[in-house]
């Protein structure tokens, strides 16, 4: 069974090769590739591959293509998030953001193209049609008006107005958590897992997504720009609703611990249900540095 580093290398290799053939418009392709090739943790596609692998799926070219689609969609969301009309960021992964490098119009179009290509990848492969359809539906739900985009709207409307904790959780379950939930669930869909296993994957994905957002808020308040490759301390400056701003740093860290405990419980349940080694999921949980 491949470990997290091996899965990440698989994703990077596939993205480099496959994206080169995704457009016949050279300027557009350059802008698309700029943001995808900027790196990142590749958590979403590697989560899909890890779950599929632990459920006994061979990591074929079709599985890789379907799994990597979520990285294209995630990258589109980052390009658009960085735009002046949204978060107005100049730096992403240690490099100028797309609109700083190519201008706003090209950045918007590169994001649009990556979003469309993501749905092409989940449906243009050799997986059974029923799996393609399930993946496309779940990706649309996770990224659109019931998922990520809805969360982005809640974030914009809530800026400058203090939200209650339940409202903040709902916001981030959509804005950040929905794609991570999808990434975990997608591995189960590809494996055609049982309803019981799918339900536990959803629980793991939801708790992982919540932990990711809490941790991101903690890092924004405590890390440097050099460490993260992007501007920090911007959430407080912009009166954004975050777990640190709402709860304070100590209670945000406590919330992170509690959320990770839920994820570890789901991991244990998955091991029991499937009778397989879920050690790769432990590697994903190790991303969070708990104090």
Protein backbone atom coordinates (compact mmCIF):
# COMPACT_ATOMS: atom_id res chain seq x y z
CA UNK A 1 0.00 0.00 0.00
CA UNK A 2 1.42 3.37 -1.02
CA UNK A 3 2.09 5.98 1.66
CA UNK A 4 1.09 9.64 1.60
CA UNK A 5 4.31 10.82 -0.05
CA UNK A 6 3.99 8.24 -2.82
CA UNK A 7 0.37 9.18 -3.42
CA UNK A 8 1.27 12.87 -3.57
CA UNK A 9 3.95 12.13 -6.15
CA UNK A 10 1.40 10.21 -8.19
CA UNK A 11 -0.88 13.24 -8.14
CA UNK A 12 1.88 15.68 -9.09
CA UNK A 13 3.04 13.47 -11.96
CA UNK A 14 -0.47 13.04 -13.28
CA UNK A 15 -1.32 16.73 -13.08
CA UNK A 16 1.86 17.69 -14.92
CA UNK A 17 1.16 15.26 -17.77
CA UNK A 18 -2.61 15.51 -18.11
CA UNK A 19 -3.02 19.25 -17.75
CA UNK A 20 -0.67 19.85 -20.69
CA UNK A 21 -3.33 18.42 -23.01
CA UNK A 22 -6.33 20.21 -21.51
CA UNK A 23 -6.48 23.22 -23.87
CA UNK A 24 -5.33 24.32 -27.33
CA UNK A 25 -5.17 27.95 -26.15
CA UNK A 26 -1.57 28.50 -25.08
CA UNK A 27 -2.08 31.62 -22.93
CA UNK A 28 -4.99 30.03 -21.10
CA UNK A 29 -3.05 26.81 -20.54
CA UNK A 30 -0.10 28.77 -19.14
CA UNK A 31 -2.35 30.52 -16.63
CA UNK A 32 -4.07 27.26 -15.64
CA UNK A 33 -0.78 25.44 -15.20
CA UNK A 34 0.76 28.33 -13.23
CA UNK A 35 -1.64 27.89 -10.33
CA UNK A 36 -1.91 24.09 -10.45
CA UNK A 37 1.88 23.67 -10.64
CA UNK A 38 2.42 26.08 -7.75
CA UNK A 39 2.25 23.05 -5.50
CA UNK A 40 0.27 22.77 -2.33
CA UNK A 41 -0.42 19.87 -0.05
CA UNK A 42 -2.58 17.94 -2.57
CA UNK A 43 -4.69 16.80 0.38
CA UNK A 44 -7.91 16.39 -1.57
CA UNK A 45 -6.80 14.07 -4.39
CA UNK A 46 -4.51 12.10 -2.10
CA UNK A 47 -7.38 11.60 0.35
CA UNK A 48 -9.44 10.11 -2.49
CA UNK A 49 -6.60 7.84 -3.55
CA UNK A 50 -5.82 6.78 0.01
CA UNK A 51 -9.43 5.83 0.74
CA UNK A 52 -9.84 4.01 -2.57
CA UNK A 53 -6.59 2.13 -1.95
CA UNK A 54 -7.48 1.01 1.57
CA UNK A 55 -10.80 -0.26 0.17
CA UNK A 56 -8.94 -2.45 -2.32
CA UNK A 57 -9.03 -0.33 -5.49
CA UNK A 58 -6.13 -0.51 -7.95
CA UNK A 59 -4.86 2.99 -8.66
CA UNK A 60 -5.26 2.95 -12.44
CA UNK A 61 -5.01 5.93 -14.79
CA UNK A 62 -8.78 6.31 -14.67
CA UNK A 63 -8.81 6.36 -10.87
CA UNK A 64 -6.01 8.96 -10.88
CA UNK A 65 -7.87 11.11 -13.39
CA UNK A 66 -11.08 11.05 -11.39
CA UNK A 67 -9.24 11.67 -8.12
CA UNK A 68 -7.20 14.59 -9.46
CA UNK A 69 -10.29 16.41 -10.69
CA UNK A 70 -10.92 17.80 -7.21
CA UNK A 71 -7.48 19.47 -7.24
CA UNK A 72 -8.43 21.38 -10.38
CA UNK A 73 -11.64 22.54 -8.76
CA UNK A 74 -9.84 23.48 -5.55
CA UNK A 75 -7.28 25.48 -7.55
CA UNK A 76 -10.03 27.33 -9.40
CA UNK A 77 -11.51 28.32 -6.04
CA UNK A 78 -8.16 29.67 -4.85
CA UNK A 79 -7.66 31.74 -8.00
CA UNK A 80 -11.08 33.33 -7.59
CA UNK A 81 -10.69 33.75 -3.80
CA UNK A 82 -7.53 35.78 -4.38
CA UNK A 83 -9.19 38.26 -6.76
CA UNK A 84 -9.57 41.92 -5.70
CA UNK A 85 -13.35 41.51 -5.47
CA UNK A 86 -12.91 38.64 -3.02
CA UNK A 87 -9.94 38.40 -0.61
CA UNK A 88 -7.61 40.63 -2.68
CA UNK A 89 -4.46 38.61 -2.00
CA UNK A 90 -1.12 39.17 -3.71
CA UNK A 91 0.63 35.98 -2.61
CA UNK A 92 -0.31 32.31 -2.88
CA UNK A 93 2.07 29.44 -2.11
CA UNK A 94 4.98 31.87 -2.07
CA UNK A 95 4.28 33.19 -5.58
CA UNK A 96 2.29 36.11 -7.01
CA UNK A 97 -1.39 35.22 -7.25
CA UNK A 98 -2.85 34.51 -10.67
CA UNK A 99 -4.37 37.94 -11.20
CA UNK A 100 -1.08 39.59 -10.23
CA UNK A 101 0.78 37.42 -12.73
CA UNK A 102 -1.67 37.44 -15.65
CA UNK A 103 -4.27 40.13 -14.94
CA UNK A 104 -7.79 39.78 -13.57
CA UNK A 105 -9.49 38.70 -16.80
CA UNK A 106 -7.08 35.83 -17.48
CA UNK A 107 -7.21 34.73 -13.84
CA UNK A 108 -11.00 34.54 -13.94
CA UNK A 109 -10.92 32.58 -17.20
CA UNK A 110 -8.21 30.20 -15.94
CA UNK A 111 -10.38 29.49 -12.90
CA UNK A 112 -13.43 28.94 -15.10
CA UNK A 113 -11.49 26.53 -17.29
CA UNK A 114 -10.16 24.54 -14.33
CA UNK A 115 -13.66 24.19 -12.92
CA UNK A 116 -15.01 22.85 -16.21
CA UNK A 117 -12.03 20.54 -16.70
CA UNK A 118 -12.62 19.04 -13.26
CA UNK A 119 -16.03 17.78 -14.39
CA UNK A 120 -14.51 16.57 -17.65
CA UNK A 121 -12.01 14.47 -15.70
CA UNK A 122 -14.56 12.79 -13.44
CA UNK A 123 -16.68 11.77 -16.45
CA UNK A 124 -14.11 11.14 -19.20
CA UNK A 125 -12.41 7.98 -17.96
CA UNK A 126 -12.86 4.20 -17.95
CA UNK A 127 -14.67 3.94 -14.61
CA UNK A 128 -18.21 2.54 -14.71
CA UNK A 129 -20.74 5.16 -15.80
CA UNK A 130 -22.65 4.89 -12.52
CA UNK A 131 -19.49 5.84 -10.62
CA UNK A 132 -18.82 8.75 -12.97
CA UNK A 133 -22.34 10.05 -12.41
CA UNK A 134 -22.10 9.74 -8.63
CA UNK A 135 -18.76 11.54 -8.58
CA UNK A 136 -20.03 14.36 -10.81
CA UNK A 137 -23.14 14.84 -8.68
CA UNK A 138 -21.25 14.85 -5.38
CA UNK A 139 -18.58 17.20 -6.74
CA UNK A 140 -21.26 19.60 -7.98
CA UNK A 141 -23.00 19.53 -4.59
CA UNK A 142 -19.73 20.07 -2.75
CA UNK A 143 -18.55 22.96 -4.90
CA UNK A 144 -21.71 24.84 -5.82
CA UNK A 145 -24.72 26.58 -4.35
CA UNK A 146 -25.12 24.01 -1.56
CA UNK A 147 -21.43 23.76 -0.77
CA UNK A 148 -18.27 25.82 -1.27
CA UNK A 149 -19.84 28.76 -3.12
CA UNK A 150 -22.62 29.05 -0.53
CA UNK A 151 -19.94 29.12 2.17
CA UNK A 152 -18.05 31.85 0.33
CA UNK A 153 -21.22 33.95 0.22
CA UNK A 154 -21.77 33.42 3.96
CA UNK A 155 -18.16 34.48 4.53
CA UNK A 156 -18.56 37.70 2.51
CA UNK A 157 -21.88 38.64 4.11
CA UNK A 158 -20.62 37.80 7.59
CA UNK A 159 -17.44 39.87 7.41
CA UNK A 160 -17.62 42.66 9.94
CA UNK A 161 -20.49 40.96 11.81
CA UNK A 162 -19.71 38.51 14.58
CA UNK A 163 -21.28 35.12 13.96
CA UNK A 164 -22.32 32.61 16.57
CA UNK A 165 -20.33 29.39 16.75
CA UNK A 166 -23.05 27.34 15.05
CA UNK A 167 -23.16 29.84 12.18
CA UNK A 168 -19.38 29.75 11.85
CA UNK A 169 -19.38 25.94 11.72
CA UNK A 170 -22.04 25.99 9.01
CA UNK A 171 -20.08 28.56 7.00
CA UNK A 172 -16.90 26.53 7.05
CA UNK A 173 -18.63 23.17 6.60
CA UNK A 174 -19.58 24.60 3.21
CA UNK A 175 -16.65 26.85 2.29
CA UNK A 176 -13.78 24.57 3.33
CA UNK A 177 -15.25 21.31 4.56
CA UNK A 178 -17.43 20.39 1.60
CA UNK A 179 -14.57 19.65 -0.80
CA UNK A 180 -12.63 17.71 1.85
CA UNK A 181 -15.76 15.72 2.68
CA UNK A 182 -16.17 15.05 -1.04
CA UNK A 183 -12.54 13.95 -1.38
CA UNK A 184 -12.96 11.28 1.29
CA UNK A 185 -16.38 10.17 0.02
CA UNK A 186 -15.11 9.96 -3.57
CA UNK A 187 -12.71 7.19 -2.60
CA UNK A 188 -15.63 5.19 -1.26
CA UNK A 189 -17.71 5.86 -4.36
CA UNK A 190 -14.88 4.66 -6.62
CA UNK A 191 -14.60 1.52 -4.47
CA UNK A 192 -18.38 1.03 -4.54
CA UNK A 193 -18.29 0.73 -0.76
CA UNK A 194 -21.24 -0.34 1.37
CA UNK A 195 -23.64 2.29 2.77
CA UNK A 196 -22.20 1.75 6.26
CA UNK A 197 -18.66 2.44 5.05
CA UNK A 198 -19.80 5.45 3.02
CA UNK A 199 -21.54 6.90 6.07
CA UNK A 200 -18.37 6.53 8.17
CA UNK A 201 -16.28 8.10 5.39
CA UNK A 202 -18.62 11.09 5.45
CA UNK A 203 -18.10 11.44 9.21
CA UNK A 204 -14.33 11.27 8.80
CA UNK A 205 -14.41 13.77 5.93
CA UNK A 206 -16.59 16.23 7.81
CA UNK A 207 -14.44 16.15 10.94
CA UNK A 208 -11.26 16.39 8.85
CA UNK A 209 -12.67 19.42 7.03
CA UNK A 210 -13.61 21.14 10.28
CA UNK A 211 -10.18 20.42 11.77
CA UNK A 212 -8.53 21.79 8.64
CA UNK A 213 -10.37 25.11 8.96
CA UNK A 214 -9.74 25.49 12.69
CA UNK A 215 -6.06 24.74 12.11
CA UNK A 216 -5.92 27.22 9.22
CA UNK A 217 -7.37 29.91 11.49
CA UNK A 218 -4.79 29.08 14.15
CA UNK A 219 -1.95 29.28 11.63
CA UNK A 220 -3.21 32.61 10.29
CA UNK A 221 -2.97 33.99 13.82
CA UNK A 222 0.35 32.39 14.82
CA UNK A 223 2.50 31.66 11.75
CA UNK A 224 4.56 33.95 9.51
CA UNK A 225 4.04 34.67 5.82
CA UNK A 226 7.34 32.92 5.06
CA UNK A 227 6.15 29.76 6.80
CA UNK A 228 2.81 29.62 4.98
CA UNK A 229 3.71 31.15 1.61
CA UNK A 230 0.81 33.60 1.86
CA UNK A 231 -0.19 36.66 3.87
CA UNK A 232 -0.99 35.99 7.52
CA UNK A 233 -2.88 37.87 10.24
CA UNK A 234 -5.22 39.10 7.50
CA UNK A 235 -8.35 37.56 9.04
CA UNK A 236 -8.25 39.81 12.09
CA UNK A 237 -7.36 42.85 9.96
CA UNK A 238 -10.42 42.25 7.75
CA UNK A 239 -12.77 41.47 10.63
CA UNK A 240 -13.26 37.92 9.32
CA UNK A 241 -15.14 35.37 11.36
CA UNK A 242 -12.64 32.74 12.51
CA UNK A 243 -12.40 30.24 15.34
CA UNK A 244 -9.53 32.19 16.88
CA UNK A 245 -11.38 35.51 16.70
CA UNK A 246 -14.54 33.97 18.15
CA UNK A 247 -13.13 31.57 20.74
CA UNK A 248 -9.63 32.84 21.43
CA UNK A 249 -6.47 30.91 20.62
CA UNK A 250 -6.58 28.47 23.56
CA UNK A 251 -10.20 27.47 22.99
CA UNK A 252 -9.63 27.20 19.23
CA UNK A 253 -6.79 24.76 19.95
CA UNK A 254 -9.11 22.82 22.29
CA UNK A 255 -11.73 22.69 19.52
CA UNK A 256 -9.07 21.32 17.18
CA UNK A 257 -8.22 18.54 19.66
CA UNK A 258 -11.90 17.61 20.04
CA UNK A 259 -12.49 17.55 16.30
CA UNK A 260 -9.46 15.38 15.66
CA UNK A 261 -10.68 12.97 18.33
CA UNK A 262 -13.90 12.56 16.32
CA UNK A 263 -11.87 11.93 13.16
CA UNK A 264 -9.76 9.29 14.91
CA UNK A 265 -12.91 7.58 16.17
CA UNK A 266 -14.24 7.44 12.61
CA UNK A 267 -10.92 6.04 11.45
CA UNK A 268 -11.20 3.28 14.05
CA UNK A 269 -14.74 2.51 12.94
CA UNK A 270 -13.59 2.29 9.33
CA UNK A 271 -10.85 -0.15 10.30
CA UNK A 272 -13.41 -2.29 12.07
CA UNK A 273 -15.94 -2.17 9.22
CA UNK A 274 -13.46 -2.92 6.46
CA UNK A 275 -10.92 -5.10 8.24
CA UNK A 276 -8.11 -3.16 6.56
CA UNK A 277 -5.14 -1.10 7.66
CA UNK A 278 -6.15 2.57 7.83
CA UNK A 279 -2.64 3.79 8.63
CA UNK A 280 -2.58 6.13 5.65
CA UNK A 281 -5.36 8.13 7.28
CA UNK A 282 -3.10 8.52 10.31
CA UNK A 283 -0.60 10.22 8.00
CA UNK A 284 -3.27 12.71 6.96
CA UNK A 285 -4.15 13.42 10.59
CA UNK A 286 -0.46 14.04 11.30
CA UNK A 287 -0.76 17.21 9.19
CA UNK A 288 -2.21 18.91 12.28
CA UNK A 289 0.42 19.90 14.82
CA UNK A 290 -1.33 19.81 18.18
CA UNK A 291 0.06 21.80 21.08
